[in-house]
Amino acid sequence: MGRPHSTHRYVPLGGCMMRGDTTNFRELFLGDLPLLDVRAPIEFHKGAFPQAVNLPLMTDAERHEVGIRYKRQGQAAALALGHSLVADEVRAARLAGWMAFAAANPKGYVYCFRGGLRSSIVQQWLNEAGVAYPKVAGGYKAMRQFLIDQLEQAAAECKLMVLGGMTGTGKTDVLQQVPYGLDLEGHAHHRGSSFGKHALGQPVQIDFENRLSIDILKKRAAGYEGLVLEDESRMIGSCSLPLPLYQAMQHAPIVWLEDSFDQRVERILRDYVVDLCAEYTGLFGEDAGFEQFAQRLRCSLDKLVRRLGAERHQRLAALMDAALLSQSRRGAIDAHRAWISALLSEYYDPMYVYQRGLKASRIVLVGSRHEVLQALRENALPAWHRAPNRSVS
C-alpha cells in the first residue's frame, strides 16, 4: 500500500470551513488524534488503535442480522434493515454519544472498517444534527495496513541494537532510560518469562502490533535512525513479535548487561513478588488478591516442571510455599529469596550462559548498568542513535 502522503482537505459546510476526510495516517498516529470507531464491538475487540473509542453504529447482534440480509437480499435490503434497527430512540441515543465525542474531541475523526457506509452514515447523521465531523478515508483497514507497512519498513531500514543479559539484570529498566529504547515487554504487558504474567491480561495480537508500530513511528519521526530492544524469543507470553522485526533482531549486534547475583535476586524479588502482589491486591483486595497472587506464582513454577525435573520442582515448590505462608502471616518477603536464588542458579543462569555462547560473535559490549547506559547514550553511541537538534516533520 505504501505510505500515504496526502493531508486532510477542507471543504465548506453551511458557509463555514470544516476539516475534510483524511488519508494522512502518519499525522493521525504521530498526533494521537482522537478516533471515533463506529464498528461493532466484536470488531473493535479484535483490534483497534490506542486513541480510539468504540461507539458503534450497530451492536454485534444488529450487525449479524444486517449481514445475513445482505447475503440473502443484497445491499439495499440490508441498508433498509439497518435503518429500521437503528431508529427513533436507539438512533437518538447513539447520535447523542457521537455528538458528545465530537464536542470533547474537536480534532478527531470517525472511521469504520473500510471508511465506507457505516462511517458515512454516522457522518451524515452528525451533519444533519449540525455537527461537521470528518472521517478517515479507507477506515480501519487502511490505517492497519499503514502500521504494518511502517513496521516492516523499520525492520528493513533501522539499525537495531539488542540488549541481552541474565534474568534479573534490569534490562527493561535500562531500556526505559534510553530515548530510542523499544520496550517490547511493555507493549506486550508481559515480562517475557514463565513468571511474566501481570494481574491484568495481555493485549490482543493486533493491538500489540499497532502499539509497537506507533511507538516505532514516533521514534523515527523524532530523528532516531536506530532502535535498542531487549533480546526476546518470538513469543512474549501470548503476543508474537512481528516476523520481520524478529528476524532483523537475530542479526543485530548485542550489548550484554551484567549485574551481581545478589542484585538480580533483589530485582526479581521486587518485580515478581512485591510489585506483582501489589497489582493483585490493588485489583481484588487484600485477601482475594493475595490468594490470586500466590496461585499465579505456583502456576508459573509448575510450567517449568518438565525442565526442572520432578525432584527439583518439588523442592522449589516447597520453598515457595513456605515463603508465601510467611508473607501471608507476617507480611515478610525475605523467605522468597531462597526459591528465587535456587531458580536462578540451577535453571535460568545455565540456560542463559548457553545462549550467550551461541551469540558470542554478535556481542559488541559487556558491561555494568552504568557502563551500558553510558555507552548507549554517550561515548560509544553511534551517530545513527542520536536525535538531531532539530524537529523532524
Protein backbone atom coordinates (compact mmCIF):
# COMPACT_ATOMS: atom_id res chain seq x y z
CA MET A 1 0.00 0.00 0.00
CA GLY A 2 2.90 2.34 0.75
CA ARG A 3 2.88 5.49 2.85
CA PRO A 4 0.02 7.94 2.17
CA HIS A 5 1.28 11.47 1.63
CA SER A 6 -1.97 13.36 1.14
CA THR A 7 -3.14 15.52 4.00
CA HIS A 8 -6.64 16.34 5.13
CA ARG A 9 -8.53 18.79 2.97
CA TYR A 10 -11.02 21.46 3.97
CA VAL A 11 -14.48 21.68 2.49
CA PRO A 12 -17.28 24.18 3.15
CA LEU A 13 -20.35 23.26 5.19
CA GLY A 14 -23.11 25.77 5.81
CA GLY A 15 -20.89 28.70 4.93
CA CYS A 16 -18.10 27.59 7.33
CA MET A 17 -14.88 25.76 6.76
CA MET A 18 -14.61 22.25 8.16
CA ARG A 19 -11.86 19.69 8.22
CA GLY A 20 -12.25 17.24 5.37
CA ASP A 21 -11.76 13.48 5.32
CA THR A 22 -8.15 12.41 5.70
CA THR A 23 -5.71 9.83 4.41
CA ASN A 24 -2.83 11.29 6.40
CA PHE A 25 -2.43 8.29 8.69
CA ARG A 26 1.02 9.46 9.74
CA GLU A 27 -0.47 12.64 11.20
CA LEU A 28 -3.22 10.67 12.95
CA PHE A 29 -0.77 8.48 14.85
CA LEU A 30 2.02 10.98 15.47
CA GLY A 31 -0.51 13.43 16.87
CA ASP A 32 -2.51 10.84 18.82
CA LEU A 33 -5.59 12.36 17.24
CA PRO A 34 -8.87 11.07 18.73
CA LEU A 35 -10.64 8.39 16.71
CA LEU A 36 -14.33 7.55 16.85
CA ASP A 37 -14.61 3.85 15.96
CA VAL A 38 -18.17 3.03 14.83
CA ARG A 39 -17.52 -0.63 14.06
CA ALA A 40 -19.35 -3.29 16.05
CA PRO A 41 -17.85 -4.17 19.46
CA ILE A 42 -16.68 -7.59 18.23
CA GLU A 43 -14.62 -5.90 15.52
CA PHE A 44 -13.18 -3.37 17.95
CA HIS A 45 -12.07 -6.03 20.43
CA LYS A 46 -10.30 -7.98 17.70
CA GLY A 47 -8.07 -4.99 17.03
CA ALA A 48 -8.13 -1.20 17.31
CA PHE A 49 -5.87 1.80 17.91
CA PRO A 50 -4.71 3.28 21.24
CA GLN A 51 -6.53 6.59 20.76
CA ALA A 52 -9.80 5.04 19.51
CA VAL A 53 -13.11 4.94 21.38
CA ASN A 54 -15.78 2.48 20.30
CA LEU A 55 -19.25 4.00 19.90
CA PRO A 56 -20.76 1.59 17.36
CA LEU A 57 -23.40 2.32 14.77
CA MET A 58 -24.72 -1.21 15.32
CA THR A 59 -24.41 -3.79 18.07
CA ASP A 60 -22.94 -7.19 17.31
CA ALA A 61 -26.43 -8.71 17.03
CA GLU A 62 -27.66 -5.94 14.73
CA ARG A 63 -24.60 -6.25 12.52
CA HIS A 64 -25.16 -10.01 12.32
CA GLU A 65 -28.76 -9.54 11.20
CA VAL A 66 -27.78 -6.98 8.59
CA GLY A 67 -25.03 -9.26 7.31
CA ILE A 68 -27.46 -12.13 6.81
CA ARG A 69 -29.91 -9.83 5.00
CA TYR A 70 -27.08 -8.59 2.76
CA LYS A 71 -26.10 -12.12 1.74
CA ARG A 72 -29.68 -13.14 1.01
CA GLN A 73 -31.23 -10.00 -0.48
CA GLY A 74 -28.45 -7.56 -1.31
CA GLN A 75 -27.24 -4.15 -0.19
CA ALA A 76 -30.49 -2.20 -0.49
CA ALA A 77 -32.40 -4.64 1.70
CA ALA A 78 -29.56 -4.75 4.23
CA LEU A 79 -29.43 -0.96 4.38
CA ALA A 80 -33.17 -0.77 4.93
CA LEU A 81 -32.94 -3.27 7.76
CA GLY A 82 -30.08 -1.34 9.32
CA HIS A 83 -32.08 1.88 9.30
CA SER A 84 -35.06 0.10 10.89
CA LEU A 85 -32.89 -1.40 13.65
CA VAL A 86 -31.16 1.89 14.41
CA ALA A 87 -34.16 4.23 14.50
CA ASP A 88 -36.08 6.51 16.84
CA GLU A 89 -34.83 6.28 20.45
CA VAL A 90 -31.94 3.97 19.51
CA ARG A 91 -30.72 6.37 16.86
CA ALA A 92 -31.15 9.35 19.16
CA ALA A 93 -29.14 7.72 21.94
CA ARG A 94 -26.28 6.75 19.64
CA LEU A 95 -26.27 10.14 17.96
CA ALA A 96 -26.02 11.78 21.37
CA GLY A 97 -22.94 9.67 22.12
CA TRP A 98 -21.26 10.64 18.84
CA MET A 99 -22.09 14.32 19.36
CA ALA A 100 -20.61 14.23 22.85
CA PHE A 101 -17.44 12.62 21.48
CA ALA A 102 -17.18 15.23 18.71
CA ALA A 103 -17.65 18.05 21.22
CA ALA A 104 -14.98 16.63 23.54
CA ASN A 105 -12.60 15.82 20.66
CA PRO A 106 -12.91 18.57 18.02
CA LYS A 107 -9.71 17.44 16.26
CA GLY A 108 -10.84 13.83 15.89
CA TYR A 109 -12.08 11.65 13.07
CA VAL A 110 -14.67 8.91 12.62
CA TYR A 111 -13.95 5.60 10.95
CA CYS A 112 -15.48 2.19 10.23
CA PHE A 113 -13.85 -0.88 8.69
CA ARG A 114 -13.21 0.42 5.16
CA GLY A 115 -14.24 4.06 5.56
CA GLY A 116 -17.44 3.34 3.68
CA LEU A 117 -21.10 3.03 4.51
CA ARG A 118 -21.11 2.99 8.31
CA SER A 119 -18.81 5.96 8.86
CA SER A 120 -20.64 7.84 6.06
CA ILE A 121 -23.98 7.26 7.79
CA VAL A 122 -22.62 8.47 11.13
CA GLN A 123 -21.07 11.46 9.40
CA GLN A 124 -24.37 12.25 7.65
CA TRP A 125 -26.43 12.00 10.85
CA LEU A 126 -23.95 14.24 12.66
CA ASN A 127 -24.13 16.77 9.83
CA GLU A 128 -27.94 16.74 10.00
CA ALA A 129 -27.60 17.50 13.72
CA GLY A 130 -25.33 20.44 12.93
CA VAL A 131 -22.02 18.74 13.72
CA ALA A 132 -19.43 18.58 10.94
CA TYR A 133 -17.05 15.71 11.66
CA PRO A 134 -14.56 14.24 9.17
CA LYS A 135 -13.84 10.58 8.61
CA VAL A 136 -10.76 8.51 7.87
CA ALA A 137 -10.81 7.55 4.20
CA GLY A 138 -10.13 3.83 3.93
CA GLY A 139 -11.07 3.31 7.57
CA TYR A 140 -9.57 0.76 9.92
CA LYS A 141 -8.26 -1.44 7.11
CA ALA A 142 -6.17 1.34 5.58
CA MET A 143 -4.80 2.53 8.92
CA ARG A 144 -3.92 -1.02 9.93
CA GLN A 145 -2.11 -1.61 6.63
CA PHE A 146 -0.22 1.67 7.10
CA LEU A 147 1.06 0.50 10.50
CA ILE A 148 2.03 -2.92 9.11
CA ASP A 149 3.97 -1.18 6.35
CA GLN A 150 5.67 1.13 8.84
CA LEU A 151 6.80 -1.78 10.98
CA GLU A 152 8.14 -3.72 8.00
CA GLN A 153 9.99 -0.64 6.74
CA ALA A 154 11.53 -0.07 10.17
CA ALA A 155 12.70 -3.68 10.38
CA ALA A 156 14.38 -3.29 6.99
CA GLU A 157 15.77 0.23 7.42
CA CYS A 158 16.55 0.82 11.11
CA LYS A 159 19.82 -0.20 12.68
CA LEU A 160 18.98 -2.37 15.66
CA MET A 161 20.91 -2.98 18.86
CA VAL A 162 19.81 -5.89 21.07
CA LEU A 163 20.15 -5.65 24.85
CA GLY A 164 20.92 -9.02 26.43
CA GLY A 165 21.77 -10.22 29.91
CA MET A 166 20.91 -12.74 32.60
CA THR A 167 17.46 -12.82 34.16
CA GLY A 168 17.10 -10.02 36.68
CA THR A 169 19.80 -7.68 35.37
CA GLY A 170 17.20 -4.96 34.80
CA LYS A 171 17.19 -4.80 31.01
CA THR A 172 13.75 -3.19 30.94
CA ASP A 173 14.88 -0.54 33.43
CA VAL A 174 17.78 0.33 31.12
CA LEU A 175 15.59 0.43 28.02
CA GLN A 176 13.24 2.89 29.68
CA GLN A 177 16.14 5.31 30.23
CA VAL A 178 17.19 5.27 26.57
CA PRO A 179 15.07 7.55 24.37
CA TYR A 180 15.31 5.20 21.39
CA GLY A 181 14.63 2.11 23.52
CA LEU A 182 11.74 -0.06 22.36
CA ASP A 183 10.04 -1.76 25.31
CA LEU A 184 8.65 -4.93 23.75
CA GLU A 185 7.59 -6.37 27.10
CA GLY A 186 5.82 -3.14 28.00
CA HIS A 187 3.78 -3.24 24.81
CA ALA A 188 3.03 -6.93 25.34
CA HIS A 189 2.20 -6.31 29.03
CA HIS A 190 4.25 -9.36 29.97
CA ARG A 191 7.75 -9.74 31.42
CA GLY A 192 8.72 -12.42 28.94
CA SER A 193 9.45 -15.35 31.24
CA SER A 194 7.35 -18.15 32.70
CA PHE A 195 6.70 -15.81 35.62
CA GLY A 196 5.95 -12.85 33.35
CA LYS A 197 2.17 -12.54 33.57
CA HIS A 198 0.67 -9.44 35.15
CA ALA A 199 -2.55 -9.31 37.13
CA LEU A 200 -4.36 -7.99 34.08
CA GLY A 201 -4.19 -9.81 30.76
CA GLN A 202 -2.24 -9.06 27.61
CA PRO A 203 -3.48 -7.09 24.61
CA VAL A 204 -4.75 -8.99 21.60
CA GLN A 205 -2.12 -9.57 18.92
CA ILE A 206 -3.32 -6.78 16.62
CA ASP A 207 -3.37 -4.21 19.43
CA PHE A 208 0.16 -5.26 20.40
CA GLU A 209 1.39 -4.80 16.83
CA ASN A 210 -0.41 -1.47 16.43
CA ARG A 211 1.08 -0.01 19.61
CA LEU A 212 4.53 -1.29 18.70
CA SER A 213 4.34 0.22 15.22
CA ILE A 214 3.13 3.59 16.53
CA ASP A 215 5.99 3.68 19.04
CA ILE A 216 8.49 2.99 16.25
CA LEU A 217 6.85 5.60 14.01
CA LYS A 218 7.18 8.25 16.73
CA LYS A 219 10.82 7.42 17.44
CA ARG A 220 11.72 7.61 13.76
CA ALA A 221 9.82 10.89 13.40
CA ALA A 222 11.86 12.24 16.32
CA GLY A 223 15.03 11.58 14.33
CA TYR A 224 16.20 8.23 15.69
CA GLU A 225 17.52 6.02 12.92
CA GLY A 226 18.31 3.13 15.27
CA LEU A 227 16.47 1.25 17.99
CA VAL A 228 17.64 -0.73 21.00
CA LEU A 229 15.39 -3.54 22.20
CA GLU A 230 15.59 -6.45 24.59
CA ASP A 231 16.75 -9.86 23.44
CA GLU A 232 13.45 -11.75 23.29
CA SER A 233 12.14 -15.01 21.94
CA ARG A 234 9.45 -14.79 19.24
CA MET A 235 6.68 -15.14 21.86
CA ILE A 236 6.25 -12.70 24.74
CA GLY A 237 3.55 -14.50 26.62
CA SER A 238 0.69 -14.79 24.12
CA CYS A 239 1.96 -11.94 21.92
CA SER A 240 4.09 -12.81 18.92
CA LEU A 241 6.79 -10.45 17.67
CA PRO A 242 6.16 -9.45 14.05
CA LEU A 243 8.31 -11.75 11.94
CA PRO A 244 10.26 -9.04 10.04
CA LEU A 245 11.29 -7.40 13.31
CA TYR A 246 12.15 -10.71 14.99
CA GLN A 247 14.26 -11.80 12.01
CA ALA A 248 16.14 -8.49 11.99
CA MET A 249 16.89 -8.90 15.69
CA GLN A 250 18.63 -12.23 15.02
CA HIS A 251 21.38 -10.45 13.09
CA ALA A 252 21.72 -7.32 15.24
CA PRO A 253 24.73 -6.61 17.47
CA ILE A 254 24.26 -7.32 21.18
CA VAL A 255 25.10 -5.26 24.25
CA TRP A 256 25.33 -7.60 27.24
CA LEU A 257 24.23 -6.19 30.60
CA GLU A 258 25.80 -7.63 33.76
CA ASP A 259 24.92 -7.33 37.43
CA SER A 260 25.75 -9.15 40.65
CA PHE A 261 23.82 -12.24 41.65
CA ASP A 262 22.51 -10.58 44.80
CA GLN A 263 21.29 -7.52 42.93
CA ARG A 264 19.49 -9.74 40.43
CA VAL A 265 17.75 -11.62 43.26
CA GLU A 266 16.61 -8.31 44.75
CA ARG A 267 15.30 -7.08 41.42
CA ILE A 268 13.32 -10.28 40.85
CA LEU A 269 12.01 -10.07 44.39
CA ARG A 270 10.80 -6.56 43.61
CA ASP A 271 9.22 -7.37 40.24
CA TYR A 272 7.75 -10.82 40.79
CA VAL A 273 6.85 -10.65 44.48
CA VAL A 274 6.44 -7.11 45.81
CA ASP A 275 5.11 -5.40 42.69
CA LEU A 276 3.07 -8.36 41.42
CA CYS A 277 1.43 -8.85 44.83
CA ALA A 278 0.57 -5.14 44.88
CA GLU A 279 -1.04 -5.47 41.43
CA TYR A 280 -3.32 -8.27 42.60
CA THR A 281 -4.26 -6.79 45.95
CA GLY A 282 -4.91 -3.42 44.34
CA LEU A 283 -7.36 -5.02 41.93
CA PHE A 284 -9.03 -7.67 44.09
CA GLY A 285 -8.49 -6.63 47.70
CA GLU A 286 -6.01 -7.86 50.31
CA ASP A 287 -7.23 -11.42 50.90
CA ALA A 288 -8.56 -12.39 47.45
CA GLY A 289 -5.72 -10.55 45.76
CA PHE A 290 -3.05 -12.33 47.78
CA GLU A 291 -4.60 -15.72 47.03
CA GLN A 292 -4.60 -14.99 43.30
CA PHE A 293 -1.02 -13.72 43.50
CA ALA A 294 0.09 -16.88 45.32
CA GLN A 295 -1.70 -19.05 42.77
CA ARG A 296 -0.01 -17.13 39.94
CA LEU A 297 3.47 -17.84 41.40
CA ARG A 298 2.69 -21.53 41.86
CA CYS A 299 1.31 -21.89 38.33
CA SER A 300 4.37 -20.14 36.92
CA LEU A 301 6.68 -22.59 38.66
CA ASP A 302 4.52 -25.53 37.56
CA LYS A 303 5.11 -24.54 33.93
CA LEU A 304 8.77 -25.45 34.42
CA VAL A 305 8.23 -28.89 35.96
CA ARG A 306 9.44 -30.78 32.89
CA ARG A 307 12.58 -28.69 32.55
CA LEU A 308 13.34 -28.67 36.25
CA GLY A 309 12.59 -32.32 36.85
CA ALA A 310 10.19 -33.63 39.48
CA GLU A 311 12.61 -33.60 42.44
CA ARG A 312 13.92 -30.09 41.87
CA HIS A 313 10.44 -28.74 41.14
CA GLN A 314 9.15 -30.26 44.37
CA ARG A 315 12.00 -28.71 46.35
CA LEU A 316 11.49 -25.25 44.86
CA ALA A 317 7.72 -25.50 45.29
CA ALA A 318 8.20 -26.24 48.99
CA LEU A 319 10.46 -23.18 49.36
CA MET A 320 7.88 -21.06 47.55
CA ASP A 321 5.01 -22.33 49.72
CA ALA A 322 6.97 -21.56 52.88
CA ALA A 323 7.73 -18.05 51.61
CA LEU A 324 4.08 -17.42 50.72
CA LEU A 325 2.98 -18.63 54.15
CA SER A 326 5.42 -16.28 55.84
CA GLN A 327 4.28 -13.41 53.65
CA SER A 328 0.59 -14.04 54.31
CA ARG A 329 1.05 -14.31 58.09
CA ARG A 330 3.62 -11.59 58.79
CA GLY A 331 4.00 -9.63 55.57
CA ALA A 332 7.62 -10.78 55.40
CA ILE A 333 9.18 -11.33 51.98
CA ASP A 334 12.69 -12.46 52.98
CA ALA A 335 11.93 -16.16 52.51
CA HIS A 336 11.23 -15.65 48.81
CA ARG A 337 14.94 -15.15 48.21
CA ALA A 338 15.53 -18.88 48.74
CA TRP A 339 13.49 -20.13 45.79
CA ILE A 340 14.49 -17.17 43.62
CA SER A 341 18.20 -17.85 44.23
CA ALA A 342 17.81 -21.56 43.54
CA LEU A 343 15.80 -20.96 40.38
CA LEU A 344 18.42 -18.56 39.05
CA SER A 345 21.48 -20.66 39.86
CA GLU A 346 20.02 -24.03 38.91
CA TYR A 347 17.85 -23.18 35.91
CA TYR A 348 17.96 -19.70 34.39
CA ASP A 349 21.68 -18.97 34.65
CA PRO A 350 22.89 -22.18 32.96
CA MET A 351 20.36 -21.60 30.17
CA TYR A 352 21.48 -18.01 29.64
CA VAL A 353 25.17 -18.97 29.72
CA TYR A 354 24.47 -21.45 26.94
CA GLN A 355 22.51 -18.90 24.89
CA ARG A 356 25.22 -16.29 25.36
CA GLY A 357 27.75 -18.72 23.97
CA LEU A 358 25.68 -19.17 20.83
CA LYS A 359 25.53 -15.39 20.32
CA ALA A 360 29.10 -14.57 21.37
CA SER A 361 30.15 -13.37 17.91
CA ARG A 362 27.45 -10.68 17.96
CA ILE A 363 28.30 -9.25 21.39
CA VAL A 364 29.96 -5.84 20.98
CA LEU A 365 29.93 -4.68 24.60
CA VAL A 366 29.77 -6.32 28.03
CA GLY A 367 29.27 -4.00 30.96
CA SER A 368 27.51 -2.91 34.11
CA ARG A 369 24.31 -0.89 34.15
CA HIS A 370 26.27 2.37 34.29
CA GLU A 371 28.65 1.32 31.53
CA VAL A 372 25.89 0.12 29.24
CA LEU A 373 23.80 3.26 29.75
CA GLN A 374 26.82 5.46 29.17
CA ALA A 375 27.70 3.58 26.00
CA LEU A 376 24.17 3.73 24.66
CA ARG A 377 23.62 7.38 25.49
CA GLU A 378 27.05 8.95 25.17
CA ASN A 379 30.56 7.70 24.48
CA ALA A 380 30.02 4.61 22.33
CA LEU A 381 26.75 5.85 20.88
CA PRO A 382 26.86 5.69 17.07
CA ALA A 383 25.60 8.76 15.24
CA TRP A 384 22.55 6.93 13.96
CA HIS A 385 21.26 6.55 17.53
CA ARG A 386 21.16 10.28 18.27
CA ALA A 387 18.22 12.53 17.59
CA PRO A 388 19.32 15.70 15.81
CA ASN A 389 18.80 19.08 17.47
CA ARG A 390 16.03 19.94 15.10
CA SER A 391 12.40 19.00 14.62
CA VAL A 392 11.62 16.32 12.07
CA SER A 393 8.34 16.72 10.23
